[in-house]
C-alpha atoms as a PDB file:
ATOM      1  CA  MET A   1      14.917  14.889  11.286  1.00  0.00           C
ATOM      2  CA  GLY A   2      14.690  11.878  13.486  1.00  0.00           C
ATOM      3  CA  GLY A   3      14.439  11.998  17.200  1.00  0.00           C
ATOM      4  CA  THR A   4      11.878  12.833  19.781  1.00  0.00           C
ATOM      5  CA  GLY A   5      10.674  16.404  19.984  1.00  0.00           C
ATOM      6  CA  GLY A   6      12.888  17.442  17.055  1.00  0.00           C
ATOM      7  CA  TYR A   7      16.082  16.420  18.832  1.00  0.00           C
ATOM      8  CA  PRO A   8      18.432  14.016  17.048  1.00  0.00           C
ATOM      9  CA  ARG A   9      18.857  10.499  18.478  1.00  0.00           C
ATOM     10  CA  THR A  10      21.885   9.305  16.537  1.00  0.00           C
ATOM     11  CA  MET A  11      24.992  10.783  14.952  1.00  0.00           C
ATOM     12  CA  GLY A  12      23.305  10.452  11.541  1.00  0.00           C
ATOM     13  CA  ASP A  13      20.320  12.369  12.874  1.00  0.00           C
ATOM     14  CA  GLN A  14      22.683  15.014  14.262  1.00  0.00           C
ATOM     15  CA  THR A  15      24.300  15.407  10.847  1.00  0.00           C
ATOM     16  CA  GLN A  16      20.891  15.830   9.193  1.00  0.00           C
ATOM     17  CA  HIS A  17      19.840  18.266  11.913  1.00  0.00           C
ATOM     18  CA  ASP A  18      22.985  20.349  11.407  1.00  0.00           C
ATOM     19  CA  ALA A  19      22.583  20.335   7.621  1.00  0.00           C
ATOM     20  CA  ALA A  20      18.954  21.452   7.895  1.00  0.00           C
ATOM     21  CA  ARG A  21      19.880  24.200  10.357  1.00  0.00           C
ATOM     22  CA  ILE A  22      22.616  25.479   8.032  1.00  0.00           C
ATOM     23  CA  GLU A  23      20.267  25.401   5.037  1.00  0.00           C
ATOM     24  CA  LEU A  24      17.632  27.325   6.994  1.00  0.00           C
ATOM     25  CA  GLN A  25      20.199  29.928   8.050  1.00  0.00           C
ATOM     26  CA  GLU A  26      21.351  30.324   4.458  1.00  0.00           C
ATOM     27  CA  LEU A  27      17.763  30.843   3.282  1.00  0.00           C
ATOM     28  CA  LEU A  28      17.235  33.512   5.916  1.00  0.00           C
ATOM     29  CA  LEU A  29      20.536  35.290   5.354  1.00  0.00           C
ATOM     30  CA  THR A  30      20.296  35.337   1.549  1.00  0.00           C
ATOM     31  CA  ALA A  31      16.650  36.427   1.305  1.00  0.00           C
ATOM     32  CA  GLU A  32      16.444  39.786  -0.413  1.00  0.00           C
ATOM     33  CA  ASP A  33      13.294  40.769   1.463  1.00  0.00           C
ATOM     34  CA  VAL A  34      10.887  39.522   4.110  1.00  0.00           C
ATOM     35  CA  ASN A  35       8.631  37.879   1.505  1.00  0.00           C
ATOM     36  CA  GLU A  36      11.379  35.882  -0.184  1.00  0.00           C
ATOM     37  CA  PHE A  37      12.249  33.785   2.882  1.00  0.00           C
ATOM     38  CA  PRO A  38       8.866  32.029   3.248  1.00  0.00           C
ATOM     39  CA  ARG A  39       8.725  31.402  -0.530  1.00  0.00           C
ATOM     40  CA  LYS A  40      12.133  29.736  -0.454  1.00  0.00           C
ATOM     41  CA  LEU A  41      11.226  27.844   2.718  1.00  0.00           C
ATOM     42  CA  ALA A  42       8.072  26.437   1.091  1.00  0.00           C
ATOM     43  CA  LEU A  43      10.094  25.277  -1.923  1.00  0.00           C
ATOM     44  CA  VAL A  44      12.782  23.638   0.203  1.00  0.00           C
ATOM     45  CA  ALA A  45      10.203  21.954   2.443  1.00  0.00           C
ATOM     46  CA  ALA A  46       8.266  20.502  -0.497  1.00  0.00           C
ATOM     47  CA  ASP A  47      11.438  19.395  -2.272  1.00  0.00           C
ATOM     48  CA  GLY A  48      12.751  17.762   0.896  1.00  0.00           C
ATOM     49  CA  MET A  49       9.629  15.616   1.225  1.00  0.00           C
ATOM     50  CA  GLY A  50       9.891  14.126  -2.258  1.00  0.00           C
ATOM     51  CA  SER A  51       8.229  14.182  -5.641  1.00  0.00           C
ATOM     52  CA  GLY A  52       4.655  15.392  -5.896  1.00  0.00           C
ATOM     53  CA  ILE A  53       4.619  17.130  -2.516  1.00  0.00           C
ATOM     54  CA  SER A  54       3.375  20.687  -2.133  1.00  0.00           C
ATOM     55  CA  CYS A  55       3.891  23.066   0.762  1.00  0.00           C
ATOM     56  CA  GLY A  56       2.056  26.166   1.861  1.00  0.00           C
ATOM     57  CA  ILE A  57       2.812  28.528   4.705  1.00  0.00           C
ATOM     58  CA  THR A  58       0.001  30.381   6.446  1.00  0.00           C
ATOM     59  CA  LEU A  59       0.400  32.948   9.187  1.00  0.00           C
ATOM     60  CA  HIS A  60      -2.337  34.376  11.306  1.00  0.00           C
ATOM     61  CA  ARG A  61      -2.543  38.153  11.281  1.00  0.00           C
ATOM     62  CA  ASP A  62      -5.055  39.844  13.539  1.00  0.00           C
ATOM     63  CA  GLY A  63      -6.570  36.427  14.210  1.00  0.00           C
ATOM     64  CA  ARG A  64      -7.162  35.656  10.539  1.00  0.00           C
ATOM     65  CA  PRO A  65      -5.206  33.314   8.296  1.00  0.00           C
ATOM     66  CA  ALA A  66      -3.132  34.832   5.519  1.00  0.00           C
ATOM     67  CA  THR A  67      -1.317  32.719   2.949  1.00  0.00           C
ATOM     68  CA  VAL A  68       2.269  33.845   2.901  1.00  0.00           C
ATOM     69  CA  ALA A  69       3.973  31.429   0.522  1.00  0.00           C
ATOM     70  CA  SER A  70       3.371  28.311  -1.528  1.00  0.00           C
ATOM     71  CA  SER A  71       5.701  25.904  -3.260  1.00  0.00           C
ATOM     72  CA  ASP A  72       3.481  25.620  -6.330  1.00  0.00           C
ATOM     73  CA  THR A  73       0.066  26.378  -7.847  1.00  0.00           C
ATOM     74  CA  ARG A  74      -1.575  23.354  -6.221  1.00  0.00           C
ATOM     75  CA  ALA A  75      -0.545  24.505  -2.746  1.00  0.00           C
ATOM     76  CA  THR A  76      -1.782  28.013  -3.494  1.00  0.00           C
ATOM     77  CA  GLN A  77      -5.184  26.705  -4.607  1.00  0.00           C
ATOM     78  CA  VAL A  78      -5.581  24.474  -1.549  1.00  0.00           C
ATOM     79  CA  MET A  79      -4.570  27.255   0.803  1.00  0.00           C
ATOM     80  CA  ARG A  80      -6.943  29.763  -0.809  1.00  0.00           C
ATOM     81  CA  SER A  81      -9.764  27.260  -0.499  1.00  0.00           C
ATOM     82  CA  SER A  82      -8.925  26.591   3.147  1.00  0.00           C
ATOM     83  CA  THR A  83      -8.713  30.302   3.909  1.00  0.00           C
ATOM     84  CA  ALA A  84     -12.061  30.931   2.208  1.00  0.00           C
ATOM     85  CA  THR A  85     -13.641  28.118   4.227  1.00  0.00           C
ATOM     86  CA  TRP A  86     -12.202  29.537   7.441  1.00  0.00           C
ATOM     87  CA  ARG A  87     -13.503  33.014   6.643  1.00  0.00           C
ATOM     88  CA  GLY A  88     -16.960  31.575   5.996  1.00  0.00           C
ATOM     89  CA  ARG A  89     -17.035  30.325   9.593  1.00  0.00           C
ATOM     90  CA  ALA A  90     -16.043  33.651  11.149  1.00  0.00           C
END
């Protein structure tokens, strides 16, 4: 989504921005439960970036990272490793 600070600069950027917003709304509205939305979001994000890209979503709960969703096994492995490294520092 082109533009500074996430805001579109051109009409083409506006169209992409609108399409992404609609897709995000659809993901949220069609999720069957609270866990399904981040899984779908990770898949869409990875797919939108191109072939061979993985995506992981981590939230912090009580000050600690918790992997919520991953687009694939590779993302899951990387996120688990990162979380383990973080916990080792605590």
